[in-house]
Amino acid sequence: MIKMTAIYKKPANIEEFDKYYFNTHLPLANKMPGLKKVEIDKIYGTPYGDTSYYMIANMYFDSKEDLTNALSSPEGKACGKDLRNFTTDNVELVFSQVETNN
C-alpha cells in the first residue's frame, strides 16, 4: 500500500480552514481515481506541549502507479490546483510505502 500524506501547519483561522477543507477540498480529493481510504488526524499537541502543526491527511492507494495516475488525472489536477486556494506554504506533501508489523 502507498500513502500520500499532507501535513498542514496551524492556519491563521482554524474555523475558516476547516470549513473550506471539509466542504470543498476533501470532496475533490475523494474523487481521485484509485483512492482507497482517507484518514484525517487533527493534532492536539505533543509530549512537550504545543506544536506548529494542525492536521495530517493520509490518502491510501494500492500502488505507486495508482498514486501517479490519481495525481495526473483531471480530478487529481483539480485537487492540486485547489490546494493553492486555501494554503500555500503551510502544507508539505510526502509519499511513503506503508509497512505493517502485526
Protein backbone atom coordinates (compact mmCIF):
# COMPACT_ATOMS: atom_id res chain seq x y z
CA MET A 1 0.00 0.00 0.00
CA ILE A 2 1.18 3.53 -0.86
CA LYS A 3 0.30 6.64 1.09
CA MET A 4 0.33 10.32 0.21
CA THR A 5 0.42 12.46 3.34
CA ALA A 6 -0.38 16.17 3.56
CA ILE A 7 0.96 17.78 6.73
CA TYR A 8 -0.66 21.13 7.49
CA LYS A 9 0.68 23.80 9.83
CA LYS A 10 -1.76 25.69 12.01
CA PRO A 11 -3.78 28.09 9.86
CA ALA A 12 -4.41 31.67 10.92
CA ASN A 13 -8.15 30.95 11.06
CA ILE A 14 -8.88 27.33 12.04
CA GLU A 15 -12.65 27.61 11.59
CA GLU A 16 -12.28 29.02 8.07
CA PHE A 17 -9.65 26.40 7.19
CA ASP A 18 -11.84 23.52 8.42
CA LYS A 19 -14.89 24.82 6.59
CA TYR A 20 -13.02 25.04 3.29
CA TYR A 21 -11.07 21.80 3.75
CA PHE A 22 -14.02 19.58 4.69
CA ASN A 23 -16.65 21.19 2.43
CA THR A 24 -14.57 21.88 -0.68
CA HIS A 25 -11.10 20.33 -0.77
CA LEU A 26 -11.77 16.89 0.74
CA PRO A 27 -14.73 16.19 -1.59
CA LEU A 28 -12.39 16.95 -4.53
CA ALA A 29 -9.72 14.63 -3.14
CA ASN A 30 -12.26 11.84 -2.65
CA LYS A 31 -12.96 11.89 -6.41
CA MET A 32 -9.40 10.86 -7.33
CA PRO A 33 -9.38 7.50 -9.11
CA GLY A 34 -7.74 4.66 -7.20
CA LEU A 35 -8.07 6.34 -3.80
CA LYS A 36 -8.81 3.58 -1.28
CA LYS A 37 -9.08 5.43 2.01
CA VAL A 38 -8.56 8.85 3.61
CA GLU A 39 -7.65 9.38 7.26
CA ILE A 40 -7.62 12.82 8.82
CA ASP A 41 -5.63 13.36 12.01
CA LYS A 42 -6.24 16.56 13.99
CA ILE A 43 -3.12 17.27 16.02
CA TYR A 44 -3.77 18.49 19.55
CA GLY A 45 -0.26 18.56 20.99
CA THR A 46 2.98 16.75 21.67
CA PRO A 47 4.56 15.20 24.77
CA TYR A 48 6.31 18.55 25.17
CA GLY A 49 3.30 20.82 24.74
CA ASP A 50 2.12 22.84 21.78
CA THR A 51 3.09 22.31 18.13
CA SER A 52 3.04 24.34 14.93
CA TYR A 53 1.22 21.50 13.13
CA TYR A 54 -2.55 21.31 12.88
CA MET A 55 -3.63 18.38 10.72
CA ILE A 56 -2.39 15.36 8.78
CA ALA A 57 -4.33 13.91 5.84
CA ASN A 58 -3.36 10.38 4.78
CA MET A 59 -4.57 9.17 1.36
CA TYR A 60 -4.07 5.48 0.58
CA PHE A 61 -3.54 3.82 -2.81
CA ASP A 62 -2.78 0.22 -3.80
CA SER A 63 0.40 1.07 -5.74
CA LYS A 64 2.77 3.82 -6.84
CA GLU A 65 1.18 3.60 -10.28
CA ASP A 66 -2.27 4.19 -8.80
CA LEU A 67 -0.98 7.25 -6.95
CA THR A 68 0.71 8.59 -10.09
CA ASN A 69 -2.45 8.01 -12.12
CA ALA A 70 -4.58 9.70 -9.47
CA LEU A 71 -2.38 12.79 -9.35
CA SER A 72 -2.24 13.10 -13.14
CA SER A 73 -5.99 12.58 -13.58
CA PRO A 74 -8.32 15.56 -14.12
CA GLU A 75 -9.60 15.02 -10.55
CA GLY A 76 -6.07 14.94 -9.13
CA LYS A 77 -5.07 18.07 -11.03
CA ALA A 78 -8.20 19.87 -9.79
CA CYS A 79 -7.36 18.85 -6.23
CA GLY A 80 -3.77 20.09 -6.58
CA LYS A 81 -4.95 23.39 -8.03
CA ASP A 82 -7.49 23.78 -5.24
CA LEU A 83 -4.76 23.30 -2.62
CA ARG A 84 -3.48 26.74 -3.58
CA ASN A 85 -6.90 28.24 -2.80
CA PHE A 86 -6.57 27.74 0.94
CA THR A 87 -2.94 27.01 1.74
CA THR A 88 0.40 27.54 0.04
CA ASP A 89 3.42 27.48 2.31
CA ASN A 90 1.58 25.80 5.21
CA VAL A 91 1.47 22.28 3.76
CA GLU A 92 4.04 19.61 2.99
CA LEU A 93 3.23 16.59 0.81
CA VAL A 94 5.14 13.31 1.18
CA PHE A 95 4.80 9.85 -0.38
CA SER A 96 5.51 6.65 1.54
CA GLN A 97 5.15 2.91 1.38
CA VAL A 98 3.10 1.51 4.24
CA GLU A 99 4.84 -1.27 6.19
CA THR A 100 2.97 -3.15 8.87
CA ASN A 101 4.19 -5.39 11.66
CA ASN A 102 1.23 -7.19 13.16
